[in-house]
């Protein structure tokens, strides 16, 4: 499952690494959007397959941030 940005912003922190087990609702990325910190929760249980962004990256709406393998 691809986790995509819903709005433009900047990656402030990445809370997981490739290979980590994640649970539904767990915060996986923190974005700064419109001067506010916006946590991105994991939509399902699974394993982080790939992290496609780095801290400091600017992201656009629809950009893939991370891939979760269910």
C-alpha atoms as a PDB file:
ATOM      1  CA  UNK A   1       0.000   0.000   0.000  1.00  0.00           C
ATOM      2  CA  UNK A   2       1.388   3.399  -0.942  1.00  0.00           C
ATOM      3  CA  UNK A   3       1.199   6.167   1.652  1.00  0.00           C
ATOM      4  CA  UNK A   4       0.781   9.479  -0.191  1.00  0.00           C
ATOM      5  CA  UNK A   5       0.951  13.117   0.858  1.00  0.00           C
ATOM      6  CA  UNK A   6      -2.471  14.728   1.033  1.00  0.00           C
ATOM      7  CA  UNK A   7      -1.110  18.285   0.892  1.00  0.00           C
ATOM      8  CA  UNK A   8       2.125  20.072   0.052  1.00  0.00           C
ATOM      9  CA  UNK A   9       4.603  20.243   2.902  1.00  0.00           C
ATOM     10  CA  UNK A  10       8.039  19.454   4.262  1.00  0.00           C
ATOM     11  CA  UNK A  11       9.122  16.182   5.913  1.00  0.00           C
ATOM     12  CA  UNK A  12      10.020  16.990   9.545  1.00  0.00           C
ATOM     13  CA  UNK A  13      10.626  13.443  10.781  1.00  0.00           C
ATOM     14  CA  UNK A  14      10.332   9.820   9.751  1.00  0.00           C
ATOM     15  CA  UNK A  15       9.347   7.578  12.652  1.00  0.00           C
ATOM     16  CA  UNK A  16      10.025   4.169  11.032  1.00  0.00           C
ATOM     17  CA  UNK A  17      12.610   2.482   8.808  1.00  0.00           C
ATOM     18  CA  UNK A  18      12.371  -0.087   6.020  1.00  0.00           C
ATOM     19  CA  UNK A  19      11.727  -3.495   7.549  1.00  0.00           C
ATOM     20  CA  UNK A  20       9.950  -2.174  10.663  1.00  0.00           C
ATOM     21  CA  UNK A  21       6.606  -3.686  11.662  1.00  0.00           C
ATOM     22  CA  UNK A  22       3.847  -1.053  11.902  1.00  0.00           C
ATOM     23  CA  UNK A  23       0.301  -1.044  13.229  1.00  0.00           C
ATOM     24  CA  UNK A  24      -2.820   0.733  12.069  1.00  0.00           C
ATOM     25  CA  UNK A  25      -2.913   4.281  13.464  1.00  0.00           C
ATOM     26  CA  UNK A  26       0.818   4.405  14.293  1.00  0.00           C
ATOM     27  CA  UNK A  27       2.441   7.720  13.369  1.00  0.00           C
ATOM     28  CA  UNK A  28       4.951   7.027  10.612  1.00  0.00           C
ATOM     29  CA  UNK A  29       5.844  10.477   9.229  1.00  0.00           C
ATOM     30  CA  UNK A  30       5.471  14.052  10.476  1.00  0.00           C
ATOM     31  CA  UNK A  31       4.953  16.725   7.820  1.00  0.00           C
ATOM     32  CA  UNK A  32       4.962  20.479   8.250  1.00  0.00           C
ATOM     33  CA  UNK A  33       2.113  21.954   6.247  1.00  0.00           C
ATOM     34  CA  UNK A  34       0.863  25.531   6.557  1.00  0.00           C
ATOM     35  CA  UNK A  35       3.132  26.096   9.609  1.00  0.00           C
ATOM     36  CA  UNK A  36       1.525  23.153  11.445  1.00  0.00           C
ATOM     37  CA  UNK A  37       2.911  19.712  12.232  1.00  0.00           C
ATOM     38  CA  UNK A  38       0.747  17.068  10.595  1.00  0.00           C
ATOM     39  CA  UNK A  39       1.248  13.435  11.647  1.00  0.00           C
ATOM     40  CA  UNK A  40       0.668  10.807   8.960  1.00  0.00           C
ATOM     41  CA  UNK A  41      -0.803   7.637  10.508  1.00  0.00           C
ATOM     42  CA  UNK A  42      -0.343   4.164   9.066  1.00  0.00           C
ATOM     43  CA  UNK A  43      -3.657   3.018   7.520  1.00  0.00           C
ATOM     44  CA  UNK A  44      -3.046  -0.710   8.144  1.00  0.00           C
ATOM     45  CA  UNK A  45      -0.919  -3.286   9.935  1.00  0.00           C
ATOM     46  CA  UNK A  46       2.127  -4.387   7.968  1.00  0.00           C
ATOM     47  CA  UNK A  47       5.829  -3.950   7.349  1.00  0.00           C
ATOM     48  CA  UNK A  48       7.566  -0.883   5.947  1.00  0.00           C
ATOM     49  CA  UNK A  49       8.748  -1.913   2.479  1.00  0.00           C
ATOM     50  CA  UNK A  50      10.340   1.313   1.321  1.00  0.00           C
ATOM     51  CA  UNK A  51      10.713   4.896   2.533  1.00  0.00           C
ATOM     52  CA  UNK A  52      10.634   7.212  -0.492  1.00  0.00           C
ATOM     53  CA  UNK A  53      11.436  10.539   1.212  1.00  0.00           C
ATOM     54  CA  UNK A  54      14.057  11.961   3.552  1.00  0.00           C
ATOM     55  CA  UNK A  55      13.864  14.510   6.362  1.00  0.00           C
ATOM     56  CA  UNK A  56      13.853  17.991   4.836  1.00  0.00           C
ATOM     57  CA  UNK A  57      12.266  16.943   1.523  1.00  0.00           C
ATOM     58  CA  UNK A  58       9.437  19.075   0.176  1.00  0.00           C
ATOM     59  CA  UNK A  59       6.498  16.968  -0.962  1.00  0.00           C
ATOM     60  CA  UNK A  60       3.567  17.557  -3.293  1.00  0.00           C
ATOM     61  CA  UNK A  61      -0.011  16.285  -2.989  1.00  0.00           C
ATOM     62  CA  UNK A  62      -0.196  12.694  -4.214  1.00  0.00           C
ATOM     63  CA  UNK A  63       3.549  12.077  -3.853  1.00  0.00           C
ATOM     64  CA  UNK A  64       4.364   8.612  -2.477  1.00  0.00           C
ATOM     65  CA  UNK A  65       6.019   8.913   0.936  1.00  0.00           C
ATOM     66  CA  UNK A  66       6.297   5.271   1.943  1.00  0.00           C
ATOM     67  CA  UNK A  67       5.254   1.771   0.883  1.00  0.00           C
ATOM     68  CA  UNK A  68       3.676  -0.568   3.452  1.00  0.00           C
ATOM     69  CA  UNK A  69       3.521  -4.305   2.731  1.00  0.00           C
ATOM     70  CA  UNK A  70       0.434  -5.891   4.296  1.00  0.00           C
END
